[in-house]
């Protein structure tokens, strides 16, 4: 099963979800999506806007591949379960988020050899196929990713503070 999650940010993420629905139309593998604030229909998938913690946990546990925004909680759930992660970071240029921190976090996960970052959704099908061939060693939690994320978020907070005080 391919599990797609876009988190709980109050922005739709139709760019990712629409492409996944197209991909789902051409596969026999089930595609389950948590669609958040999108109000569109995705007829080739099983989807819910939001899911309980138990539903999310069950979907992570059943997933062969995780396709997601590059949210920290989502990434950690994938890493801890050893699921290949295909990240499509939310971007400011598409009005999907206020900062491009997800792109920085996704690139760090790629540098760690734990996932694939897709910036152009036309490359998503290929990325999912490549993720299916990834052989991941068990993830050992360490401070590297946590420290990097903390530094990125601190930098964003400082930048946002500077904009508020102008």
C-alpha atoms as a PDB file:
ATOM      1  CA  UNK A   1       0.000   0.000   0.000  1.00  0.00           C
ATOM      2  CA  UNK A   2       1.144   3.524  -0.738  1.00  0.00           C
ATOM      3  CA  UNK A   3       0.275   5.906   2.080  1.00  0.00           C
ATOM      4  CA  UNK A   4       0.038   9.608   1.244  1.00  0.00           C
ATOM      5  CA  UNK A   5      -0.208  12.224   3.966  1.00  0.00           C
ATOM      6  CA  UNK A   6      -0.145  15.993   3.753  1.00  0.00           C
ATOM      7  CA  UNK A   7      -0.339  16.824   7.449  1.00  0.00           C
ATOM      8  CA  UNK A   8      -2.601  19.351   9.096  1.00  0.00           C
ATOM      9  CA  UNK A   9      -1.368  22.676   7.703  1.00  0.00           C
ATOM     10  CA  UNK A  10      -4.338  24.862   6.798  1.00  0.00           C
ATOM     11  CA  UNK A  11      -3.323  25.005   3.147  1.00  0.00           C
ATOM     12  CA  UNK A  12      -4.592  22.623   0.449  1.00  0.00           C
ATOM     13  CA  UNK A  13      -1.937  20.495  -1.220  1.00  0.00           C
ATOM     14  CA  UNK A  14      -3.774  19.703  -4.447  1.00  0.00           C
ATOM     15  CA  UNK A  15      -0.570  19.623  -6.503  1.00  0.00           C
ATOM     16  CA  UNK A  16       0.546  16.433  -4.726  1.00  0.00           C
ATOM     17  CA  UNK A  17      -2.894  14.881  -4.211  1.00  0.00           C
ATOM     18  CA  UNK A  18      -4.064  15.298  -7.813  1.00  0.00           C
ATOM     19  CA  UNK A  19      -0.881  13.715  -9.158  1.00  0.00           C
ATOM     20  CA  UNK A  20      -1.241  10.802  -6.713  1.00  0.00           C
ATOM     21  CA  UNK A  21      -4.817  10.225  -7.879  1.00  0.00           C
ATOM     22  CA  UNK A  22      -3.537  10.005 -11.471  1.00  0.00           C
ATOM     23  CA  UNK A  23      -0.816   7.568 -10.390  1.00  0.00           C
ATOM     24  CA  UNK A  24      -3.366   5.515  -8.428  1.00  0.00           C
ATOM     25  CA  UNK A  25      -5.523   5.168 -11.555  1.00  0.00           C
ATOM     26  CA  UNK A  26      -2.697   3.221 -13.203  1.00  0.00           C
ATOM     27  CA  UNK A  27      -1.798   0.795 -10.428  1.00  0.00           C
ATOM     28  CA  UNK A  28      -3.380  -2.175  -8.705  1.00  0.00           C
ATOM     29  CA  UNK A  29      -1.676  -1.218  -5.445  1.00  0.00           C
ATOM     30  CA  UNK A  30      -4.017   0.500  -2.984  1.00  0.00           C
ATOM     31  CA  UNK A  31      -3.341   4.196  -2.405  1.00  0.00           C
ATOM     32  CA  UNK A  32      -4.603   5.608   0.892  1.00  0.00           C
ATOM     33  CA  UNK A  33      -4.489   9.389   1.326  1.00  0.00           C
ATOM     34  CA  UNK A  34      -4.926  11.827   4.198  1.00  0.00           C
ATOM     35  CA  UNK A  35      -5.913  14.957   2.255  1.00  0.00           C
ATOM     36  CA  UNK A  36      -6.110  17.664   4.922  1.00  0.00           C
ATOM     37  CA  UNK A  37      -7.692  20.906   3.790  1.00  0.00           C
ATOM     38  CA  UNK A  38      -8.196  19.882   0.169  1.00  0.00           C
ATOM     39  CA  UNK A  39     -11.863  19.852  -0.804  1.00  0.00           C
ATOM     40  CA  UNK A  40     -11.437  17.893  -4.032  1.00  0.00           C
ATOM     41  CA  UNK A  41     -12.389  14.310  -4.805  1.00  0.00           C
ATOM     42  CA  UNK A  42      -9.779  11.659  -5.570  1.00  0.00           C
ATOM     43  CA  UNK A  43     -11.774   8.787  -7.081  1.00  0.00           C
ATOM     44  CA  UNK A  44      -8.855   6.394  -7.625  1.00  0.00           C
ATOM     45  CA  UNK A  45      -7.819   6.370  -3.962  1.00  0.00           C
ATOM     46  CA  UNK A  46      -9.203   5.728  -0.517  1.00  0.00           C
ATOM     47  CA  UNK A  47      -9.020   9.090   1.226  1.00  0.00           C
ATOM     48  CA  UNK A  48     -10.028  11.033   4.301  1.00  0.00           C
ATOM     49  CA  UNK A  49      -9.393  14.664   5.089  1.00  0.00           C
ATOM     50  CA  UNK A  50      -8.162  13.792   8.570  1.00  0.00           C
ATOM     51  CA  UNK A  51      -7.531  10.533  10.405  1.00  0.00           C
ATOM     52  CA  UNK A  52      -7.347   9.556  14.049  1.00  0.00           C
ATOM     53  CA  UNK A  53      -3.979   8.688  15.581  1.00  0.00           C
ATOM     54  CA  UNK A  54      -4.920   5.002  15.419  1.00  0.00           C
ATOM     55  CA  UNK A  55      -5.822   5.265  11.720  1.00  0.00           C
ATOM     56  CA  UNK A  56      -2.573   7.091  10.959  1.00  0.00           C
ATOM     57  CA  UNK A  57      -0.540   4.531  12.909  1.00  0.00           C
ATOM     58  CA  UNK A  58      -2.269   1.661  11.092  1.00  0.00           C
ATOM     59  CA  UNK A  59      -1.590   3.246   7.694  1.00  0.00           C
ATOM     60  CA  UNK A  60       2.075   3.881   8.507  1.00  0.00           C
ATOM     61  CA  UNK A  61       2.390   0.268   9.668  1.00  0.00           C
ATOM     62  CA  UNK A  62       0.845  -1.105   6.449  1.00  0.00           C
ATOM     63  CA  UNK A  63       2.654   1.219   4.042  1.00  0.00           C
ATOM     64  CA  UNK A  64       5.202  -0.095   1.572  1.00  0.00           C
ATOM     65  CA  UNK A  65       6.002   3.495   0.526  1.00  0.00           C
ATOM     66  CA  UNK A  66       5.244   6.806   2.229  1.00  0.00           C
ATOM     67  CA  UNK A  67       4.528   9.799  -0.011  1.00  0.00           C
ATOM     68  CA  UNK A  68       4.287  13.018   1.948  1.00  0.00           C
ATOM     69  CA  UNK A  69       4.897  16.684   2.468  1.00  0.00           C
ATOM     70  CA  UNK A  70       8.163  17.117   4.321  1.00  0.00           C
ATOM     71  CA  UNK A  71       6.655  17.585   7.764  1.00  0.00           C
ATOM     72  CA  UNK A  72       8.837  16.585  10.679  1.00  0.00           C
ATOM     73  CA  UNK A  73       6.324  14.273  12.389  1.00  0.00           C
ATOM     74  CA  UNK A  74       5.523  12.485   9.154  1.00  0.00           C
ATOM     75  CA  UNK A  75       9.176  11.980   8.294  1.00  0.00           C
ATOM     76  CA  UNK A  76       9.946  10.640  11.776  1.00  0.00           C
ATOM     77  CA  UNK A  77       7.076   8.128  11.500  1.00  0.00           C
ATOM     78  CA  UNK A  78       8.465   6.896   8.185  1.00  0.00           C
ATOM     79  CA  UNK A  79      12.051   6.737   9.420  1.00  0.00           C
ATOM     80  CA  UNK A  80      11.166   4.834  12.567  1.00  0.00           C
ATOM     81  CA  UNK A  81       9.248   2.229  10.534  1.00  0.00           C
ATOM     82  CA  UNK A  82      11.904   1.898   7.839  1.00  0.00           C
ATOM     83  CA  UNK A  83       9.499   2.958   5.091  1.00  0.00           C
ATOM     84  CA  UNK A  84      11.020   4.471   1.940  1.00  0.00           C
ATOM     85  CA  UNK A  85       9.907   8.116   1.933  1.00  0.00           C
ATOM     86  CA  UNK A  86       9.068  10.182  -1.129  1.00  0.00           C
ATOM     87  CA  UNK A  87       8.829  13.796  -0.015  1.00  0.00           C
ATOM     88  CA  UNK A  88       7.104  16.522  -2.001  1.00  0.00           C
ATOM     89  CA  UNK A  89       7.841  19.625   0.072  1.00  0.00           C
ATOM     90  CA  UNK A  90       5.149  22.241   0.329  1.00  0.00           C
ATOM     91  CA  UNK A  91       6.416  25.415  -1.373  1.00  0.00           C
ATOM     92  CA  UNK A  92       5.799  29.118  -0.942  1.00  0.00           C
ATOM     93  CA  UNK A  93       5.802  29.595  -4.733  1.00  0.00           C
ATOM     94  CA  UNK A  94       2.561  27.561  -4.882  1.00  0.00           C
ATOM     95  CA  UNK A  95       1.031  29.187  -1.765  1.00  0.00           C
ATOM     96  CA  UNK A  96       1.186  25.849   0.068  1.00  0.00           C
ATOM     97  CA  UNK A  97       3.103  27.164   3.093  1.00  0.00           C
ATOM     98  CA  UNK A  98       4.611  30.359   4.537  1.00  0.00           C
ATOM     99  CA  UNK A  99       8.294  29.300   4.330  1.00  0.00           C
ATOM    100  CA  UNK A 100      10.339  26.815   2.306  1.00  0.00           C
ATOM    101  CA  UNK A 101      11.685  24.992   5.366  1.00  0.00           C
ATOM    102  CA  UNK A 102      10.197  21.692   4.136  1.00  0.00           C
ATOM    103  CA  UNK A 103      12.517  21.738   1.123  1.00  0.00           C
ATOM    104  CA  UNK A 104      15.546  22.113   3.397  1.00  0.00           C
ATOM    105  CA  UNK A 105      14.380  19.282   5.663  1.00  0.00           C
ATOM    106  CA  UNK A 106      13.638  16.993   2.691  1.00  0.00           C
ATOM    107  CA  UNK A 107      17.100  17.561   1.263  1.00  0.00           C
ATOM    108  CA  UNK A 108      18.644  16.617   4.627  1.00  0.00           C
ATOM    109  CA  UNK A 109      16.678  13.336   4.650  1.00  0.00           C
ATOM    110  CA  UNK A 110      17.940  12.667   1.103  1.00  0.00           C
ATOM    111  CA  UNK A 111      21.521  13.400   2.233  1.00  0.00           C
ATOM    112  CA  UNK A 112      21.017  10.800   4.966  1.00  0.00           C
ATOM    113  CA  UNK A 113      20.052   8.249   2.278  1.00  0.00           C
ATOM    114  CA  UNK A 114      16.580   7.770   3.767  1.00  0.00           C
ATOM    115  CA  UNK A 115      14.306   9.208   1.078  1.00  0.00           C
ATOM    116  CA  UNK A 116      13.707  10.917  -2.240  1.00  0.00           C
ATOM    117  CA  UNK A 117      12.780  14.579  -2.697  1.00  0.00           C
ATOM    118  CA  UNK A 118      10.466  15.526  -5.557  1.00  0.00           C
ATOM    119  CA  UNK A 119      10.114  19.195  -6.457  1.00  0.00           C
ATOM    120  CA  UNK A 120       8.254  18.669  -9.752  1.00  0.00           C
ATOM    121  CA  UNK A 121       5.243  16.351  -9.338  1.00  0.00           C
ATOM    122  CA  UNK A 122       5.649  15.146 -12.923  1.00  0.00           C
ATOM    123  CA  UNK A 123       8.604  13.148 -11.502  1.00  0.00           C
ATOM    124  CA  UNK A 124       6.532  11.561  -8.734  1.00  0.00           C
ATOM    125  CA  UNK A 125       5.725   8.259 -10.469  1.00  0.00           C
ATOM    126  CA  UNK A 126       9.410   7.618 -11.162  1.00  0.00           C
ATOM    127  CA  UNK A 127      10.343   8.555  -7.594  1.00  0.00           C
ATOM    128  CA  UNK A 128       7.808   6.071  -6.202  1.00  0.00           C
ATOM    129  CA  UNK A 129       9.256   3.332  -8.415  1.00  0.00           C
ATOM    130  CA  UNK A 130      12.788   4.187  -7.229  1.00  0.00           C
ATOM    131  CA  UNK A 131      11.647   4.252  -3.605  1.00  0.00           C
ATOM    132  CA  UNK A 132      10.221   0.758  -4.028  1.00  0.00           C
ATOM    133  CA  UNK A 133      13.718  -0.462  -4.889  1.00  0.00           C
ATOM    134  CA  UNK A 134      15.423   1.228  -1.925  1.00  0.00           C
ATOM    135  CA  UNK A 135      17.073  -1.067   0.572  1.00  0.00           C
ATOM    136  CA  UNK A 136      17.146   0.708   3.892  1.00  0.00           C
ATOM    137  CA  UNK A 137      19.126  -0.344   6.907  1.00  0.00           C
ATOM    138  CA  UNK A 138      17.240   0.004  10.187  1.00  0.00           C
ATOM    139  CA  UNK A 139      16.993   3.620  11.254  1.00  0.00           C
ATOM    140  CA  UNK A 140      18.924   4.448  14.381  1.00  0.00           C
ATOM    141  CA  UNK A 141      17.578   7.602  15.968  1.00  0.00           C
ATOM    142  CA  UNK A 142      20.328  10.130  16.487  1.00  0.00           C
ATOM    143  CA  UNK A 143      20.606  13.853  17.051  1.00  0.00           C
ATOM    144  CA  UNK A 144      21.801  14.703  13.521  1.00  0.00           C
ATOM    145  CA  UNK A 145      18.358  15.175  11.988  1.00  0.00           C
ATOM    146  CA  UNK A 146      16.845  16.647  15.155  1.00  0.00           C
ATOM    147  CA  UNK A 147      19.646  19.204  15.458  1.00  0.00           C
ATOM    148  CA  UNK A 148      19.362  20.122  11.783  1.00  0.00           C
ATOM    149  CA  UNK A 149      15.587  20.596  12.023  1.00  0.00           C
ATOM    150  CA  UNK A 150      15.989  22.682  15.169  1.00  0.00           C
ATOM    151  CA  UNK A 151      18.539  24.919  13.424  1.00  0.00           C
ATOM    152  CA  UNK A 152      16.290  25.343  10.373  1.00  0.00           C
ATOM    153  CA  UNK A 153      13.267  26.223  12.498  1.00  0.00           C
ATOM    154  CA  UNK A 154      15.301  28.632  14.647  1.00  0.00           C
ATOM    155  CA  UNK A 155      16.470  30.380  11.474  1.00  0.00           C
ATOM    156  CA  UNK A 156      12.912  30.668  10.190  1.00  0.00           C
ATOM    157  CA  UNK A 157      11.685  32.010  13.516  1.00  0.00           C
ATOM    158  CA  UNK A 158      14.417  34.671  13.493  1.00  0.00           C
ATOM    159  CA  UNK A 159      13.556  35.623   9.930  1.00  0.00           C
ATOM    160  CA  UNK A 160       9.833  35.855  10.727  1.00  0.00           C
ATOM    161  CA  UNK A 161      10.577  37.970  13.822  1.00  0.00           C
ATOM    162  CA  UNK A 162      12.577  40.363  11.652  1.00  0.00           C
ATOM    163  CA  UNK A 163       9.658  40.717   9.221  1.00  0.00           C
ATOM    164  CA  UNK A 164       7.197  41.451  12.059  1.00  0.00           C
ATOM    165  CA  UNK A 165       9.390  44.221  13.473  1.00  0.00           C
ATOM    166  CA  UNK A 166       9.848  46.131  10.217  1.00  0.00           C
END
